[in-house]
Protein backbone atom coordinates (compact mmCIF):
# COMPACT_ATOMS: atom_id res chain seq x y z
CA MET A 1 35.95 84.56 17.96
CA GLU A 2 33.34 82.07 19.13
CA LYS A 3 34.11 78.38 18.71
CA PRO A 4 31.81 76.72 16.14
CA MET A 5 29.37 74.11 17.38
CA TYR A 6 30.58 71.59 14.81
CA PRO A 7 34.32 71.35 14.23
CA VAL A 8 35.63 71.13 10.70
CA VAL A 9 36.43 67.57 9.75
CA SER A 10 40.18 67.11 10.03
CA ARG A 11 42.80 64.42 9.72
CA GLU A 12 43.76 65.02 13.34
CA ILE A 13 40.26 64.25 14.60
CA ALA A 14 39.95 61.23 12.31
CA LYS A 15 43.33 59.92 13.51
CA LYS A 16 42.35 60.36 17.16
CA ARG A 17 39.06 58.51 16.58
CA GLU A 18 40.96 55.64 15.00
CA GLU A 19 43.55 55.56 17.80
CA LEU A 20 40.83 55.37 20.45
CA ALA A 21 38.96 52.41 18.93
CA PRO A 22 40.68 50.98 15.83
CA GLU A 23 38.87 47.64 15.70
CA THR A 24 35.47 49.21 16.21
CA LEU A 25 36.11 51.84 13.56
CA SER A 26 37.30 49.18 11.12
CA ALA A 27 34.17 47.11 11.74
CA TRP A 28 31.96 50.17 11.32
CA ARG A 29 33.65 51.06 8.02
CA ALA A 30 33.12 47.51 6.71
CA PHE A 31 29.48 47.63 7.83
CA SER A 32 28.99 51.00 6.14
CA ARG A 33 30.51 49.78 2.86
CA GLN A 34 28.22 46.74 2.92
CA VAL A 35 25.10 48.76 3.75
CA PHE A 36 25.68 51.25 0.92
CA ALA A 37 26.67 48.67 -1.71
CA ASP A 38 24.23 47.84 -4.50
CA GLY A 39 21.81 45.18 -3.32
CA ALA A 40 18.03 44.89 -3.41
CA LEU A 41 18.19 48.70 -3.48
CA PRO A 42 20.69 50.43 -5.75
CA ALA A 43 23.39 52.55 -4.09
CA LYS A 44 21.79 55.74 -5.44
CA THR A 45 18.51 54.95 -3.68
CA LYS A 46 20.36 54.12 -0.48
CA GLU A 47 22.14 57.47 -0.60
CA LEU A 48 18.82 59.28 -1.13
CA ILE A 49 17.39 57.47 1.90
CA ALA A 50 20.49 58.52 3.84
CA VAL A 51 19.99 62.15 2.77
CA ALA A 52 16.44 62.04 4.15
CA VAL A 53 17.48 60.33 7.39
CA ALA A 54 20.36 62.77 7.86
CA HIS A 55 17.89 65.64 7.69
CA VAL A 56 15.62 63.98 10.25
CA THR A 57 18.55 63.30 12.59
CA GLN A 58 19.92 66.76 11.73
CA CYS A 59 23.52 65.63 11.39
CA PRO A 60 25.38 68.25 9.36
CA TYR A 61 28.24 65.88 8.62
CA CYS A 62 25.86 63.21 7.31
CA ILE A 63 23.88 65.73 5.28
CA ARG A 64 27.02 66.86 3.45
CA HIS A 65 28.46 63.35 3.06
CA HIS A 66 25.29 61.71 1.75
CA ALA A 67 24.25 64.62 -0.47
CA ALA A 68 27.66 64.32 -2.13
CA GLY A 69 27.30 60.53 -2.22
CA ALA A 70 23.90 60.78 -3.85
CA ARG A 71 25.26 63.15 -6.52
CA ALA A 72 28.24 60.85 -7.11
CA ARG A 73 25.82 57.97 -7.72
CA GLY A 74 23.78 59.95 -10.24
CA ALA A 75 21.04 61.56 -8.17
CA SER A 76 19.76 64.83 -9.55
CA GLU A 77 19.34 67.99 -7.51
CA ASN A 78 15.58 67.47 -7.77
CA GLU A 79 15.82 63.91 -6.42
CA ILE A 80 17.90 65.09 -3.46
CA MET A 81 15.47 67.91 -2.71
CA GLU A 82 12.53 65.53 -2.96
CA ALA A 83 14.22 63.22 -0.43
CA ILE A 84 14.62 66.22 1.89
CA TRP A 85 10.92 67.09 1.51
CA ILE A 86 10.04 63.48 2.39
CA ALA A 87 12.13 63.87 5.55
CA ALA A 88 10.33 67.13 6.38
CA GLU A 89 6.93 65.48 5.92
CA MET A 90 7.91 62.51 8.06
CA ARG A 91 9.19 64.73 10.85
CA ALA A 92 6.09 66.95 10.72
CA GLY A 93 3.88 63.89 10.41
CA ALA A 94 5.36 62.46 13.58
CA ALA A 95 4.48 65.66 15.43
CA VAL A 96 0.91 65.46 14.14
CA ALA A 97 0.62 61.77 14.99
CA HIS A 98 2.01 62.30 18.48
CA SER A 99 -0.60 64.96 19.12
CA GLU A 100 -2.78 61.98 20.01
CA LEU A 101 -0.75 61.65 23.21
CA ALA A 102 -1.45 65.24 24.20
CA ILE A 103 -5.11 64.99 23.24
CA ASP A 104 -5.47 61.75 25.18
CA GLU A 105 -3.82 63.35 28.20
CA ILE A 106 -5.96 66.48 28.18
CA GLU A 107 -9.20 64.66 27.37
CA GLU A 108 -8.88 61.61 29.60
CA LYS A 109 -6.45 62.14 32.39
CA THR A 110 -6.36 65.74 33.51
CA PRO A 111 -9.11 67.53 35.33
CA LYS A 112 -10.93 70.07 33.23
CA PRO A 113 -10.67 73.64 34.54
CA ASP A 114 -13.84 75.07 36.08
């Protein structure tokens, strides 16, 4: 059987991560709790932003974690899907916007074929 690209989250892996850098992991956890706490943006909105970002960064662990977090904070299925569509538009929009680089290159800097 082929080894999966992404291992299943396990206590063993989590323990190893903590053993390798306990202070850093502790600081990261505190930072994460602070970032996702209610503030100028409510926690639900922050989780929806995280769902969108997780789709752009294509992190399967983050997608699962933040989709569950959004649901736990009251987000509807429709709100989560809308956040995902925003991510898709932003990613596609970046490709369209960056086409300017290719157009600039082919129009200005490369010799035109005869």
